[in-house]
Protein backbone atom coordinates (compact mmCIF):
# COMPACT_ATOMS: atom_id res chain seq x y z
CA MET A 1 73.71 137.23 33.96
CA GLY A 2 76.19 135.04 32.07
CA TRP A 3 74.47 135.03 28.67
CA ARG A 4 74.24 137.31 25.67
CA ALA A 5 70.97 138.25 24.01
CA SER A 6 70.39 137.50 20.35
CA MET A 7 69.99 140.60 18.20
CA ARG A 8 67.71 139.03 15.60
CA SER A 9 64.64 136.89 15.64
CA ASN A 10 64.68 133.26 14.58
CA ARG A 11 60.97 132.69 15.00
CA SER A 12 59.95 129.28 13.76
CA THR A 13 57.49 129.18 10.89
CA GLY A 14 54.74 126.62 10.57
CA SER A 15 56.72 124.83 7.87
CA ASP A 16 59.51 124.11 10.34
CA LEU A 17 57.29 121.85 12.44
CA LEU A 18 55.87 118.63 11.07
CA GLU A 19 52.71 116.74 11.84
CA GLY A 20 53.04 113.17 13.00
CA PRO A 21 55.34 111.29 15.39
CA ASN A 22 59.11 111.19 15.47
CA PRO A 23 60.11 108.85 12.59
CA ARG A 24 62.15 105.73 13.19
CA HIS A 25 65.90 105.99 12.61
CA SER A 26 66.10 109.64 13.64
CA LEU A 27 67.06 111.69 16.67
CA LEU A 28 64.23 112.64 18.99
CA SER A 29 63.17 116.19 18.18
CA GLY A 30 60.45 118.67 19.08
CA ARG A 31 60.03 119.30 15.37
CA TYR A 32 57.44 116.51 15.26
CA LYS A 33 54.17 117.63 16.80
CA GLN A 34 53.03 114.18 17.90
CA SER A 35 56.26 113.45 19.75
CA PHE A 36 56.78 113.58 23.50
CA ALA A 37 59.67 115.94 22.76
CA TYR A 38 57.28 118.50 21.25
CA LEU A 39 54.90 118.21 24.19
CA THR A 40 57.77 118.73 26.64
CA LEU A 41 59.18 121.79 24.89
CA ARG A 42 55.83 123.39 24.11
CA SER A 43 54.09 122.84 27.45
CA ARG A 44 56.11 121.16 30.15
CA MET A 45 59.31 123.23 30.11
CA PRO A 46 57.51 126.62 30.20
CA GLY A 47 55.52 125.28 33.16
CA ILE A 48 58.69 124.23 34.96
CA MET A 49 60.24 127.65 34.41
CA GLN A 50 57.11 129.32 35.78
CA GLN A 51 57.29 127.11 38.86
CA ILE A 52 60.91 128.18 39.42
CA ILE A 53 59.84 131.82 39.23
CA MET A 54 57.09 131.16 41.78
CA ARG A 55 59.55 129.35 44.06
CA VAL A 56 62.02 132.23 44.03
CA HIS A 57 59.27 134.75 44.75
CA SER A 58 57.92 132.68 47.64
CA ASP A 59 61.42 132.33 49.13
CA LEU A 60 62.18 136.05 48.85
CA PRO A 61 61.38 136.95 52.50
CA GLU A 62 63.63 134.13 53.71
CA LEU A 63 66.35 135.13 51.26
CA VAL A 64 66.20 138.73 52.45
CA ASN A 65 66.62 137.56 56.04
CA LYS A 66 69.65 135.52 55.01
CA TYR A 67 71.40 137.87 52.56
CA GLY A 68 69.85 141.31 53.06
CA VAL A 69 67.65 143.45 50.85
CA ASP A 70 70.16 143.49 47.98
CA VAL A 71 69.22 139.90 47.16
CA GLY A 72 66.03 141.36 45.70
CA LYS A 73 68.08 142.66 42.77
CA ASP A 74 69.30 139.12 42.09
CA VAL A 75 65.77 137.79 42.18
CA LYS A 76 64.51 140.43 39.75
CA GLN A 77 67.35 139.81 37.29
CA ILE A 78 66.89 136.03 37.49
CA VAL A 79 63.13 136.22 36.99
CA ASP A 80 63.56 138.55 34.02
CA ALA A 81 66.15 136.19 32.52
CA ILE A 82 63.88 133.16 32.91
CA GLU A 83 60.99 135.08 31.30
CA ARG A 84 63.23 135.89 28.32
CA LEU A 85 64.30 132.26 28.08
CA LYS A 86 60.62 131.25 27.96
CA MET A 87 60.14 133.68 25.08
CA GLU A 88 63.19 132.31 23.25
CA LEU A 89 61.82 128.78 23.62
CA ASN A 90 58.34 129.76 22.44
CA ARG A 91 59.78 131.50 19.37
CA ASP A 92 62.27 128.71 18.62
CA ARG A 93 65.28 131.01 18.81
CA GLN A 94 68.85 129.87 18.36
CA PHE A 95 70.87 128.62 21.32
CA LEU A 96 73.08 131.30 22.88
CA LEU A 97 76.64 130.84 24.06
CA PHE A 98 77.54 131.06 27.74
CA HIS A 99 79.55 134.11 28.81
CA GLY A 100 79.55 133.95 32.61
CA SER A 101 81.45 132.07 35.30
CA GLU A 102 80.04 128.63 34.47
CA PRO A 103 82.70 125.95 35.21
CA ASP A 104 81.67 124.02 32.10
CA LYS A 105 81.36 127.10 29.85
CA SER A 106 84.09 126.12 27.39
CA GLU A 107 82.68 122.61 26.90
CA TRP A 108 79.15 123.88 26.33
CA ASN A 109 80.27 126.64 23.95
CA ALA A 110 82.39 124.22 21.93
CA PHE A 111 79.41 121.90 21.64
CA LEU A 112 76.97 124.67 20.67
CA THR A 113 79.37 126.13 18.12
CA ALA A 114 79.89 122.74 16.46
CA LEU A 115 76.16 122.10 15.98
CA PRO A 116 74.99 122.40 12.37
CA ARG A 117 72.93 125.55 11.84
CA PRO A 118 69.58 123.73 11.32
CA LYS A 119 70.08 122.00 14.70
CA LYS A 120 70.69 125.16 16.77
CA THR A 121 67.11 126.03 17.72
CA PHE A 122 64.94 124.48 20.42
CA PHE A 123 62.39 122.65 18.30
CA ARG A 124 64.68 121.72 15.42
CA ALA A 125 67.52 120.44 17.59
CA CYS A 126 67.80 117.00 19.08
CA TRP A 127 65.46 116.92 22.09
CA LEU A 128 68.30 115.90 24.42
CA HIS A 129 70.35 118.93 23.36
CA ALA A 130 67.46 121.37 23.73
CA GLU A 131 66.28 120.04 27.08
CA CYS A 132 69.75 119.89 28.65
CA TYR A 133 70.48 123.38 27.33
CA LEU A 134 67.34 124.76 28.99
CA TYR A 135 68.19 123.31 32.39
CA ARG A 136 71.80 124.49 32.06
CA ARG A 137 70.78 128.02 31.05
CA ILE A 138 68.36 128.28 33.97
CA PHE A 139 71.03 127.49 36.54
CA SER A 140 73.48 129.84 34.84
CA PHE A 141 71.23 132.74 35.86
CA PHE A 142 71.63 131.74 39.50
CA GLU A 143 75.33 130.88 39.54
CA ASN A 144 76.18 134.23 37.93
CA SER A 145 74.19 136.16 40.53
CA ARG A 146 75.70 137.83 43.58
CA PHE A 147 74.01 135.77 46.31
CA LEU A 148 72.18 132.78 44.81
CA HIS A 149 74.93 130.84 43.05
CA ASN A 150 74.26 127.74 45.22
CA TYR A 151 70.47 128.00 45.29
CA ASP A 152 68.64 124.75 44.46
CA TYR A 153 65.15 125.70 43.31
CA PHE A 154 64.17 122.02 43.16
CA ASP A 155 65.35 120.91 46.63
CA HIS A 156 61.95 121.33 48.31
CA LEU A 157 60.37 118.94 45.80
CA LYS A 158 62.96 116.24 46.47
CA GLN A 159 62.72 116.70 50.22
CA GLU A 160 58.92 116.62 50.22
CA ASP A 161 58.98 113.46 48.12
CA LEU A 162 60.98 111.73 50.84
CA MET A 163 59.00 113.14 53.76
CA ILE A 164 55.61 112.06 52.40
CA SER A 165 56.95 108.53 51.86
CA ASP A 166 57.38 107.65 55.53
CA VAL A 167 55.03 104.64 55.42
CA ALA A 168 56.75 103.16 52.38
CA MET A 169 60.20 103.77 53.87
CA LYS A 170 59.26 102.12 57.17
CA VAL A 171 57.97 98.91 55.60
CA LEU A 172 60.92 98.66 53.23
CA ALA A 173 63.42 99.34 56.00
CA GLN A 174 61.93 96.60 58.17
CA ALA A 175 61.67 94.07 55.35
CA THR A 176 65.25 94.55 54.17
CA ARG A 177 67.07 94.10 57.50
CA ASP A 178 69.28 90.98 57.64
CA LEU A 179 68.29 89.68 54.21
CA PRO A 180 70.36 86.59 53.31
CA LYS A 181 72.60 86.67 50.27
CA SER A 182 70.71 85.16 47.34
CA PHE A 183 69.81 85.97 43.77
CA GLU A 184 66.13 85.96 44.71
CA ASN A 185 66.59 88.72 47.29
CA PHE A 186 68.88 90.69 44.98
CA SER A 187 66.38 90.54 42.11
CA LYS A 188 63.54 91.65 44.38
CA LEU A 189 65.54 94.68 45.53
CA VAL A 190 66.34 95.52 41.90
CA ARG A 191 62.64 95.47 40.99
CA ILE A 192 61.70 97.56 44.03
CA ASN A 193 64.38 100.03 43.01
CA LEU A 194 63.22 100.12 39.39
CA TRP A 195 59.62 100.93 40.36
CA GLY A 196 60.53 103.02 43.40
CA ASN A 197 58.77 106.20 42.28
CA HIS A 198 55.40 104.43 42.27
CA PHE A 199 55.77 102.33 45.41
CA GLU A 200 53.76 104.45 47.84
CA MET A 201 50.82 104.69 45.44
CA GLN A 202 51.00 100.98 44.61
CA MET A 203 50.76 100.08 48.29
CA GLY A 204 47.35 101.75 48.36
CA GLY A 205 46.17 99.67 45.41
CA TYR A 206 47.60 96.29 46.39
CA PRO A 207 45.03 93.64 47.46
CA PHE A 208 46.67 92.57 50.71
CA GLY A 209 45.48 89.22 52.05
CA PRO A 210 45.61 88.00 55.66
CA GLU A 211 48.80 86.08 54.87
CA ASP A 212 50.60 89.12 53.43
CA SER A 213 53.04 90.77 55.81
CA LEU A 214 54.45 94.24 55.21
CA LYS A 215 57.70 92.94 56.68
CA ASP A 216 58.06 90.32 53.93
CA ILE A 217 60.34 91.30 51.03
CA ASN A 218 58.44 88.90 48.75
CA VAL A 219 55.18 90.75 49.36
CA LEU A 220 56.82 94.15 48.86
CA ALA A 221 58.39 93.03 45.59
CA ARG A 222 54.92 92.08 44.37
CA VAL A 223 53.61 95.46 45.55
CA ALA A 224 56.33 97.24 43.57
CA SER A 225 55.40 95.34 40.42
CA ILE A 226 51.64 95.84 40.55
CA ASP A 227 50.35 97.05 37.17
CA LYS A 228 53.98 97.17 35.93
CA ILE A 229 55.52 95.08 33.16
CA LEU A 230 59.20 94.24 32.84
CA LEU A 231 59.95 93.89 29.11
CA VAL A 232 63.60 92.86 29.49
CA ASN A 233 65.08 91.45 32.70
CA ASP A 234 68.83 90.82 32.67
CA SER A 235 69.06 90.67 36.48
CA THR A 236 70.64 87.21 36.24
CA LEU A 237 73.47 88.61 34.10
CA VAL A 238 74.04 91.47 36.55
CA TRP A 239 74.15 89.03 39.48
CA ASN A 240 76.60 86.75 37.68
CA CYS A 241 78.78 89.74 36.82
CA LEU A 242 78.99 90.76 40.48
CA LEU A 243 79.93 87.21 41.52
CA LYS A 244 82.76 86.78 39.00
CA PRO A 245 86.08 86.14 40.76
CA GLY A 246 89.19 88.22 40.19
CA GLN A 247 87.54 91.64 40.03
CA ASN A 248 88.25 94.72 42.13
CA GLY A 249 84.62 94.85 43.24
CA THR A 250 84.00 98.57 42.66
CA VAL A 251 80.56 99.46 41.30
CA ASP A 252 79.76 102.84 39.75
CA TYR A 253 76.14 103.86 40.25
CA ILE A 254 75.01 106.71 38.01
CA CYS A 255 72.11 108.12 40.00
CA ASP A 256 68.76 109.40 38.84
CA ASN A 257 66.28 110.99 41.27
CA GLY A 258 66.56 112.16 44.84
CA GLY A 259 63.76 111.73 47.36
CA PHE A 260 62.20 108.29 47.83
CA ASP A 261 63.84 107.00 44.65
CA PHE A 262 67.27 107.51 46.21
CA PHE A 263 66.07 105.71 49.34
CA THR A 264 65.40 102.61 47.23
CA ASP A 265 68.79 103.07 45.54
CA MET A 266 70.48 102.92 48.91
CA LEU A 267 68.59 99.78 49.95
CA LEU A 268 70.02 98.00 46.91
CA LEU A 269 73.53 99.42 47.33
CA GLU A 270 73.56 98.61 51.05
CA TYR A 271 72.71 95.01 50.20
CA MET A 272 75.49 94.87 47.62
CA VAL A 273 78.26 96.06 49.93
CA GLU A 274 76.92 94.14 52.92
CA HIS A 275 77.18 90.85 51.00
CA ASN A 276 80.43 91.70 49.21
CA LEU A 277 78.79 91.94 45.81
CA ALA A 278 80.69 95.23 45.74
CA THR A 279 83.67 96.26 47.83
CA GLN A 280 82.82 99.91 47.17
CA VAL A 281 80.02 101.78 45.43
CA ARG A 282 80.68 105.18 43.86
CA LEU A 283 77.62 107.42 43.56
CA HIS A 284 77.66 109.72 40.54
CA VAL A 285 75.41 112.70 41.27
CA LYS A 286 74.58 115.90 39.39
CA ALA A 287 76.74 118.97 39.84
CA ILE A 288 73.79 121.40 39.59
CA PRO A 289 69.98 121.31 39.98
CA TRP A 290 68.85 119.11 37.09
CA TYR A 291 65.65 117.76 35.57
CA ILE A 292 63.58 118.73 38.64
CA SER A 293 64.31 115.69 40.80
CA ASP A 294 67.88 114.61 40.00
CA LEU A 295 70.19 113.86 42.91
CA THR A 296 72.95 116.25 44.00
CA ARG A 297 75.59 115.97 46.73
CA ALA A 298 73.50 118.26 48.93
CA ASP A 299 70.52 115.93 48.48
CA VAL A 300 72.60 112.96 49.66
CA GLU A 301 73.71 114.86 52.76
CA TRP A 302 70.18 116.08 53.52
CA THR A 303 68.75 112.56 53.13
CA MET A 304 71.29 111.04 55.53
CA ASP A 305 70.65 113.75 58.10
CA TYR A 306 66.86 113.39 57.76
CA LEU A 307 66.99 109.64 58.31
CA VAL A 308 69.47 109.76 61.19
CA ARG A 309 67.22 112.25 63.01
CA HIS A 310 63.99 110.40 62.20
CA GLU A 311 61.70 109.59 65.12
CA ASP A 312 61.13 106.06 63.83
CA GLU A 313 63.80 103.83 65.38
CA CYS A 314 64.17 101.59 62.33
CA LEU A 315 64.57 104.48 59.88
CA SER A 316 66.99 106.21 62.22
CA ALA A 317 69.02 102.99 62.48
CA VAL A 318 69.05 102.68 58.69
CA GLY A 319 70.25 106.27 58.36
CA LYS A 320 73.04 105.68 60.87
CA LYS A 321 74.11 102.50 59.11
CA TRP A 322 74.25 104.28 55.74
CA ALA A 323 76.20 107.12 57.32
CA ARG A 324 78.72 104.55 58.63
CA LEU A 325 78.98 102.96 55.20
CA MET A 326 79.79 106.37 53.75
CA SER A 327 82.25 107.33 56.50
CA SER A 328 84.06 104.01 56.01
CA GLN A 329 84.03 104.67 52.24
CA ARG A 330 82.11 101.53 51.37
CA ILE A 331 79.72 103.93 49.62
CA VAL A 332 81.22 107.20 48.38
CA ILE A 333 80.23 110.14 46.22
CA ALA A 334 82.38 110.17 43.11
CA PRO A 335 84.26 113.35 42.14
CA THR A 336 81.94 115.91 40.60
CA SER A 337 81.74 115.78 36.81
CA TYR A 338 79.83 118.26 34.67
CA PHE A 339 79.67 115.61 31.96
CA TRP A 340 76.51 114.26 33.59
CA THR A 341 74.84 117.65 33.06
CA GLY A 342 76.13 118.10 29.53
CA PRO A 343 74.22 117.49 26.30
CA GLN A 344 76.43 114.74 24.94
CA PRO A 345 75.51 111.08 24.57
CA TYR A 346 77.72 108.75 26.55
CA PHE A 347 79.57 107.28 23.57
CA VAL A 348 81.56 110.55 23.28
CA MET A 349 82.74 110.39 26.91
CA VAL A 350 86.08 108.89 25.94
CA GLU A 351 86.83 112.07 23.95
CA SER A 352 85.09 114.76 25.99
CA ASP A 353 85.88 113.55 29.54
CA LEU A 354 88.67 111.00 29.44
CA GLU A 355 89.22 111.22 33.21
CA LEU A 356 85.64 110.15 33.91
CA TYR A 357 85.85 107.39 31.30
CA ARG A 358 89.02 106.04 32.89
CA LEU A 359 87.36 106.09 36.30
CA LEU A 360 84.55 103.89 34.96
CA THR A 361 87.05 101.46 33.41
CA ASP A 362 88.37 100.81 36.92
CA SER A 363 85.07 99.31 38.10
CA THR A 364 83.44 95.90 37.85
CA LEU A 365 80.07 97.30 36.82
CA ALA A 366 78.44 100.63 35.98
CA ILE A 367 74.71 100.83 36.69
CA PHE A 368 72.85 103.60 34.85
CA LYS A 369 69.55 104.40 36.55
CA GLY A 370 66.57 106.16 35.01
CA ASP A 371 65.17 107.35 31.72
CA LEU A 372 67.56 110.26 31.07
CA ASN A 373 70.61 108.07 31.53
CA TYR A 374 69.06 105.58 29.11
CA ARG A 375 68.45 108.31 26.53
CA LYS A 376 72.10 109.35 26.79
CA LEU A 377 73.31 105.77 26.52
CA LEU A 378 71.36 105.39 23.27
CA GLY A 379 72.04 108.90 21.99
CA ASP A 380 68.36 110.01 22.02
CA TYR A 381 68.00 108.03 18.82
CA ILE A 382 64.98 105.98 17.74
CA TRP A 383 66.49 102.60 17.00
CA ASP A 384 64.63 99.54 15.83
CA SER A 385 63.17 98.23 19.07
CA ALA A 386 64.72 94.80 18.49
CA GLU A 387 68.23 96.19 17.97
CA GLU A 388 70.84 94.82 20.40
CA PHE A 389 71.62 96.92 23.47
CA ILE A 390 75.38 96.63 22.83
CA THR A 391 74.92 97.90 19.27
CA CYS A 392 72.97 100.95 20.42
CA LEU A 393 75.72 101.92 22.88
CA ARG A 394 77.88 102.73 19.81
CA GLY A 395 81.14 101.55 21.32
CA PHE A 396 80.60 102.93 24.81
CA ARG A 397 81.86 100.08 26.97
CA PRO A 398 84.30 101.29 29.64
CA THR A 399 83.19 98.38 31.84
CA ASN A 400 80.27 96.00 32.24
CA ILE A 401 77.07 98.04 31.92
CA CYS A 402 73.58 97.70 33.36
CA ALA A 403 70.74 100.08 32.48
CA MET A 404 67.62 100.20 34.67
CA ARG A 405 64.74 102.37 33.53
CA ALA A 406 61.00 102.81 33.34
CA VAL A 407 60.15 103.56 29.70
CA LYS A 408 59.07 107.21 29.40
CA CYS A 409 59.99 108.13 25.81
CA GLU A 410 60.38 106.61 22.36
CA VAL A 411 64.01 105.53 22.86
CA VAL A 412 64.07 101.76 23.39
CA CYS A 413 66.04 98.74 22.21
CA GLY A 414 66.70 95.10 22.99
CA LEU A 415 63.08 93.93 22.77
CA PRO A 416 62.08 90.63 21.17
CA GLU A 417 61.16 90.97 17.51
CA GLY A 418 57.56 92.18 17.11
CA MET A 419 57.01 93.06 20.78
CA ALA A 420 56.90 96.83 20.22
CA ASP A 421 54.24 96.53 17.51
CA LYS A 422 52.17 94.22 19.71
CA LEU A 423 52.42 96.65 22.62
CA LEU A 424 51.40 99.56 20.43
CA ARG A 425 48.24 97.75 19.34
CA SER A 426 47.19 97.12 22.96
CA ASP A 427 48.48 100.35 24.58
CA HIS A 428 49.34 103.33 22.36
CA THR A 429 50.93 105.15 25.34
CA TRP A 430 53.27 102.34 26.33
CA MET A 431 56.43 104.29 25.43
CA ILE A 432 55.62 107.27 27.66
CA SER A 433 53.47 105.85 30.46
CA GLY A 434 56.27 104.67 32.75
CA SER A 435 54.39 101.38 33.25
CA TYR A 436 56.94 99.29 31.34
CA GLY A 437 60.51 98.71 32.44
CA LEU A 438 63.88 97.46 31.23
CA ILE A 439 66.83 95.93 33.06
CA GLN A 440 69.48 95.48 30.38
CA TYR A 441 73.07 94.32 30.66
CA THR A 442 76.09 93.94 28.46
CA ASP A 443 79.62 93.03 29.42
CA SER A 444 82.60 95.05 28.30
CA LEU A 445 84.00 92.29 26.12
CA LYS A 446 80.82 91.33 24.26
CA CYS A 447 81.57 93.58 21.29
CA SER A 448 84.93 93.95 19.58
CA CYS A 449 84.00 97.14 17.71
CA ALA A 450 86.19 100.12 18.64
CA LEU A 451 84.52 103.38 17.67
CA THR A 452 85.84 106.92 17.80
CA GLY A 453 82.52 108.31 19.01
CA GLU A 454 82.00 110.45 15.91
CA GLU A 455 78.44 110.67 14.65
CA SER A 456 78.38 111.41 10.96
CA SER A 457 74.68 110.98 10.36
CA ASP A 458 71.33 110.25 11.94
CA LYS A 459 71.46 106.87 10.17
CA PRO A 460 72.94 104.03 12.24
CA GLU A 461 74.57 102.47 9.18
CA HIS A 462 76.92 105.48 9.06
CA TRP A 463 78.39 104.60 12.44
CA GLY A 464 81.07 102.39 10.99
CA ALA A 465 80.61 98.63 10.93
CA LEU A 466 78.89 98.68 14.29
CA VAL A 467 75.85 96.62 13.42
CA GLN A 468 77.96 93.96 11.70
CA ALA A 469 80.40 93.85 14.61
CA SER A 470 77.81 93.33 17.31
CA SER A 471 77.62 89.78 18.57
CA GLU A 472 74.50 87.65 18.50
CA ARG A 473 72.43 87.39 21.67
CA SER A 474 72.92 83.98 23.20
CA SER A 475 69.91 81.67 23.12
CA THR A 476 71.19 79.74 26.15
CA VAL A 477 68.98 79.90 29.23
CA LEU A 478 71.03 81.71 31.85
CA THR A 479 70.87 80.82 35.52
CA PRO A 480 72.25 82.81 38.44
CA LEU A 481 75.57 81.73 39.92
CA LEU A 482 75.37 80.53 43.51
């Protein structure tokens, strides 16, 4: 099945896990029982694996019709492998090397081999490493099978998420047709995109008045922001970046979720290419099923087909327009890279995937969407919340960078001094609730520090002279260029 069983137990003892939250100035880790990482590894990941088992079993009759009765052997082997992986996780076993036909096998094995011994088990490792490893191991069982190497056990969830969002898609499609070019409209689309996952539910809770039209982008932007708080909003800087003369106009968009979230992505990207804020947008999607809802190439194709065939004329017209934008290469899917489904933080990209890094250097702006991308930008490290965004990138600056994310874990930076403590006093779940958001920007020339990407310690002061080299945030009030 593409993996090799461990011959000895590495069961975690009680002394290996610590009470309390993840301490500041450390990597996120499931070792701390009051951390979101511990909750995810102890409860959420076993539940996800059980759901995958249930999905495969429920699809078995359809799979037999498609591949024949021999596919049952694949299903049994895969289910057994997932059950063993659940046991390994529960017992905090060491990570195993990959020994199958995985295209990224050598990169993963080099990474796993280089980990220090105390960081090679699920709960003692960095949370990012453990979580990515689990998702990668799960798909390895499928891609090393005889029949199911392209099986996406999450696709039904992404498709259902889009199909149940018809009302939200219709109002957004109508309100975003023929929007004039302005910073106000751009910033509203950015906010709708940021809070996209909650939009349908927020529509049900919004106090519509007689003057509120569902075809008004201003109303829908307020709907998107109901009960949501934007802690940092660098939309003006992003807008000004896109309007700078003398650039090639390419924008790299590192995607997050499929389903309705991707629909709101496309509304923003359509606006950007339609008004020449970008001459071309490159979508960076996941190479394999990832983190339940992450977007793959197949998800993009399914979404376009679903919209084009939709019975609603406006949604069908939107789907056809997006299909034209893709056929004319105004919006394209970037070449597949397994770096996006690796365990590494983004500051090592220049060493581990130079081709991808060079591709990003060719663009005007790279937009990183979602919480996982944010964790990888910051290395899954608990910085001081007031630390500068550019500092926390640790030298990763192939181009101008924008990060858009709803806060869902303890990794955060760029907040005004004292804000995090104030938030904690009023809402102790603020870091994991998803009710607070960040739109952060830094340009590629803001910091002159050139790092090698080597992490010698959990302490940020060991990352060279990075903190000293970071520039001061300007106190000038910034206004959007017209």
